[in-house]
Amino acid sequence: MVCDIAVALLAYQADRNPQPTSEFRTVYIAPMANAPILGSQDERVGLTIGVQWARPEKRLTMYGKRIYLVFETQIAHTYGGGWRARPRDKTWTLATLGLGRYETRGPSGRGTYFEAGWGLHWASDYTWDLDSRISSTPTAGAGILVRHGNNDYQLGLRWYHISNAGLRGSNQGQNQLLLMLGVRF
């Protein structure tokens, strides 16, 4: 019954709000920290800066609303080690992602989004959890959208898994949480 109510509300919201018809860009900044779950033992913190290019995909819909295809490029600088007898280290990373994003909006322009995707990740150095410089990055996130003037602002939380898929070393992988703050234009 709860699912039926949620579907009805989404359908009602989709009818009240026009379908997205144009592309948009987002620039975001995201402080990050490793999540000590699913294998992450390297306590890392850092900052990610990214750019997203999004467009509505005509062939993908959910509850009558189009899903955005999002292409993302990001750069990050992280610090790890320095505790538990591990040496302190710094790492630069570059990544590119492809995501699907579903958005809902109310009449005020406020809304929510949910996204999931996958990408490739390159690191300048090895870390305690990553013994390969090239890794894959499945990701999922959710957040809120707020319209102010001509701009949309987003605040979201993203889970970001980095793993070499068992191609090298022990493949412990890292699970990072990013707090994303972005602006669309």
Protein backbone atom coordinates (compact mmCIF):
# COMPACT_ATOMS: atom_id res chain seq x y z
CA MET A 1 0.00 0.00 0.00
CA VAL A 2 2.83 2.40 0.83
CA CYS A 3 4.35 1.69 -2.59
CA ASP A 4 1.01 2.44 -4.27
CA ILE A 5 0.77 5.79 -2.48
CA ALA A 6 4.37 6.66 -3.43
CA VAL A 7 3.72 5.80 -7.09
CA ALA A 8 0.52 7.89 -7.07
CA LEU A 9 2.36 10.86 -5.56
CA LEU A 10 5.17 10.59 -8.12
CA ALA A 11 2.65 10.39 -10.96
CA TYR A 12 0.78 13.43 -9.57
CA GLN A 13 4.03 15.36 -9.29
CA ALA A 14 5.03 14.34 -12.84
CA ASP A 15 1.71 15.67 -14.17
CA ARG A 16 2.14 19.03 -12.39
CA ASN A 17 5.72 19.57 -13.59
CA PRO A 18 6.83 19.69 -17.21
CA GLN A 19 9.30 17.16 -18.55
CA PRO A 20 12.92 18.30 -18.68
CA THR A 21 13.69 19.41 -22.20
CA SER A 22 17.16 20.86 -22.00
CA GLU A 23 20.66 19.98 -20.97
CA PHE A 24 22.36 21.46 -17.93
CA ARG A 25 25.81 21.62 -16.36
CA THR A 26 26.66 21.36 -12.68
CA VAL A 27 29.84 22.31 -10.87
CA TYR A 28 30.25 20.85 -7.40
CA ILE A 29 32.63 20.64 -4.49
CA ALA A 30 32.52 17.69 -2.11
CA PRO A 31 34.41 17.00 1.10
CA MET A 32 34.87 13.25 1.43
CA ALA A 33 35.82 10.63 3.99
CA ASN A 34 36.26 6.89 3.80
CA ALA A 35 33.41 4.90 5.25
CA PRO A 36 34.71 2.08 7.49
CA ILE A 37 32.39 -0.47 5.91
CA LEU A 38 32.81 -3.19 3.31
CA GLY A 39 36.59 -3.30 3.53
CA SER A 40 37.79 0.31 3.86
CA GLN A 41 40.64 0.27 6.38
CA ASP A 42 42.59 3.29 5.13
CA GLU A 43 41.20 6.30 7.00
CA ARG A 44 41.26 8.94 4.25
CA VAL A 45 39.79 12.41 3.99
CA GLY A 46 39.88 14.80 1.09
CA LEU A 47 38.15 17.16 -1.29
CA THR A 48 36.60 16.44 -4.68
CA ILE A 49 35.75 19.00 -7.37
CA GLY A 50 33.64 17.90 -10.32
CA VAL A 51 31.76 18.98 -13.42
CA GLN A 52 28.63 17.26 -14.71
CA TRP A 53 26.96 17.43 -18.12
CA ALA A 54 23.36 16.20 -18.10
CA ARG A 55 20.68 15.70 -20.71
CA PRO A 56 17.23 14.10 -20.55
CA GLU A 57 17.18 10.71 -22.27
CA LYS A 58 14.07 10.21 -24.42
CA ARG A 59 14.20 6.41 -24.20
CA LEU A 60 14.49 6.18 -20.39
CA THR A 61 11.53 7.06 -18.19
CA MET A 62 10.30 6.22 -14.72
CA TYR A 63 6.73 6.97 -13.59
CA GLY A 64 6.29 9.05 -16.75
CA LYS A 65 9.32 11.27 -16.15
CA ARG A 66 12.50 11.25 -18.18
CA ILE A 67 15.74 10.13 -16.62
CA TYR A 68 18.81 12.28 -17.14
CA LEU A 69 22.03 10.83 -18.50
CA VAL A 70 24.85 12.48 -16.58
CA PHE A 71 28.49 12.47 -17.63
CA GLU A 72 30.91 13.55 -14.93
CA THR A 73 34.61 14.37 -14.60
CA GLN A 74 36.20 14.94 -11.21
CA ILE A 75 39.54 15.57 -9.54
CA ALA A 76 40.24 14.86 -5.87
CA HIS A 77 43.06 15.26 -3.37
CA THR A 78 43.07 12.91 -0.39
CA TYR A 79 45.15 12.36 2.74
CA GLY A 80 45.53 9.06 4.53
CA GLY A 81 47.67 7.25 7.04
CA GLY A 82 49.43 8.90 9.95
CA TRP A 83 47.67 6.66 12.47
CA ARG A 84 47.88 3.02 13.47
CA ALA A 85 51.59 2.98 12.52
CA ARG A 86 50.81 3.75 8.87
CA PRO A 87 52.85 6.41 7.11
CA ARG A 88 51.08 9.62 6.08
CA ASP A 89 50.38 9.85 2.34
CA LYS A 90 48.72 12.14 -0.20
CA THR A 91 47.01 11.10 -3.42
CA TRP A 92 45.60 12.93 -6.42
CA THR A 93 42.82 11.19 -8.35
CA LEU A 94 40.99 11.69 -11.63
CA ALA A 95 37.73 9.97 -12.46
CA THR A 96 35.07 9.92 -15.12
CA LEU A 97 31.54 8.60 -14.49
CA GLY A 98 28.33 7.86 -16.33
CA LEU A 99 25.16 8.18 -14.22
CA GLY A 100 21.40 7.91 -14.51
CA ARG A 101 19.52 10.54 -12.48
CA TYR A 102 15.84 10.68 -11.59
CA GLU A 103 14.43 13.97 -10.30
CA THR A 104 11.14 15.05 -8.79
CA ARG A 105 10.07 18.66 -8.29
CA GLY A 106 7.27 20.49 -6.57
CA PRO A 107 5.60 23.71 -7.73
CA SER A 108 8.13 25.77 -5.74
CA GLY A 109 11.04 24.34 -7.74
CA ARG A 110 12.31 22.34 -4.78
CA GLY A 111 12.89 18.68 -5.38
CA THR A 112 14.89 15.55 -4.83
CA TYR A 113 17.15 13.44 -6.98
CA PHE A 114 18.43 9.87 -6.98
CA GLU A 115 21.37 8.74 -9.07
CA ALA A 116 23.42 5.63 -9.77
CA GLY A 117 26.26 4.90 -12.15
CA TRP A 118 29.72 3.59 -12.84
CA GLY A 119 33.07 4.95 -13.95
CA LEU A 120 36.83 4.70 -14.09
CA HIS A 121 39.22 6.06 -11.45
CA TRP A 122 42.97 6.80 -11.66
CA ALA A 123 45.14 7.49 -8.58
CA SER A 124 48.59 9.08 -8.55
CA ASP A 125 49.83 6.67 -5.84
CA TYR A 126 48.95 3.39 -4.20
CA THR A 127 47.18 3.52 -0.85
CA TRP A 128 46.61 1.03 1.96
CA ASP A 129 43.31 -0.16 0.44
CA LEU A 130 44.11 0.34 -3.26
CA ASP A 131 47.04 -1.52 -4.75
CA SER A 132 46.20 -0.52 -8.31
CA ARG A 133 46.22 2.93 -9.87
CA ILE A 134 43.31 2.13 -12.22
CA SER A 135 40.01 1.14 -10.60
CA SER A 136 36.29 0.99 -11.28
CA THR A 137 33.83 3.17 -9.39
CA PRO A 138 30.23 2.07 -8.91
CA THR A 139 28.34 4.89 -7.22
CA ALA A 140 24.90 5.83 -5.88
CA GLY A 141 23.56 9.00 -4.33
CA ALA A 142 20.58 11.14 -3.40
CA GLY A 143 19.99 14.77 -2.60
CA ILE A 144 17.80 17.83 -2.69
CA LEU A 145 17.41 20.55 -5.31
CA VAL A 146 16.59 24.17 -4.49
CA ARG A 147 15.81 26.81 -7.09
CA HIS A 148 16.94 30.36 -6.35
CA GLY A 149 16.51 32.89 -9.12
CA ASN A 150 17.74 31.34 -12.36
CA ASN A 151 19.95 28.76 -10.68
CA ASP A 152 19.37 25.36 -9.15
CA TYR A 153 21.49 24.36 -6.18
CA GLN A 154 21.99 20.78 -5.10
CA LEU A 155 23.00 19.25 -1.81
CA GLY A 156 23.55 15.52 -1.84
CA LEU A 157 25.24 12.52 -0.32
CA ARG A 158 27.05 10.03 -2.55
CA TRP A 159 28.45 6.57 -1.83
CA TYR A 160 31.50 6.00 -4.01
CA HIS A 161 33.15 2.57 -4.17
CA ILE A 162 36.66 2.27 -5.61
CA SER A 163 37.87 -1.21 -6.53
CA ASN A 164 40.23 -2.82 -9.03
CA ALA A 165 37.83 -5.77 -9.48
CA GLY A 166 40.44 -8.24 -8.23
CA LEU A 167 42.86 -7.54 -11.05
CA ARG A 168 45.81 -6.75 -8.79
CA GLY A 169 46.82 -7.34 -5.17
CA SER A 170 44.41 -7.93 -2.32
CA ASN A 171 41.73 -5.57 -3.71
CA GLN A 172 40.40 -4.34 -0.37
CA GLY A 173 38.76 -1.39 -2.08
CA GLN A 174 37.60 1.89 -0.58
CA ASN A 175 34.12 3.12 0.23
CA GLN A 176 33.92 6.89 0.32
CA LEU A 177 31.08 9.18 1.32
CA LEU A 178 30.92 12.55 -0.43
CA LEU A 179 28.85 15.52 0.75
CA MET A 180 28.16 17.31 -2.52
CA LEU A 181 27.29 20.99 -2.88
CA GLY A 182 26.72 22.12 -6.46
CA VAL A 183 25.23 24.80 -8.70
CA ARG A 184 23.67 24.28 -12.12
CA PHE A 185 23.97 26.59 -15.07
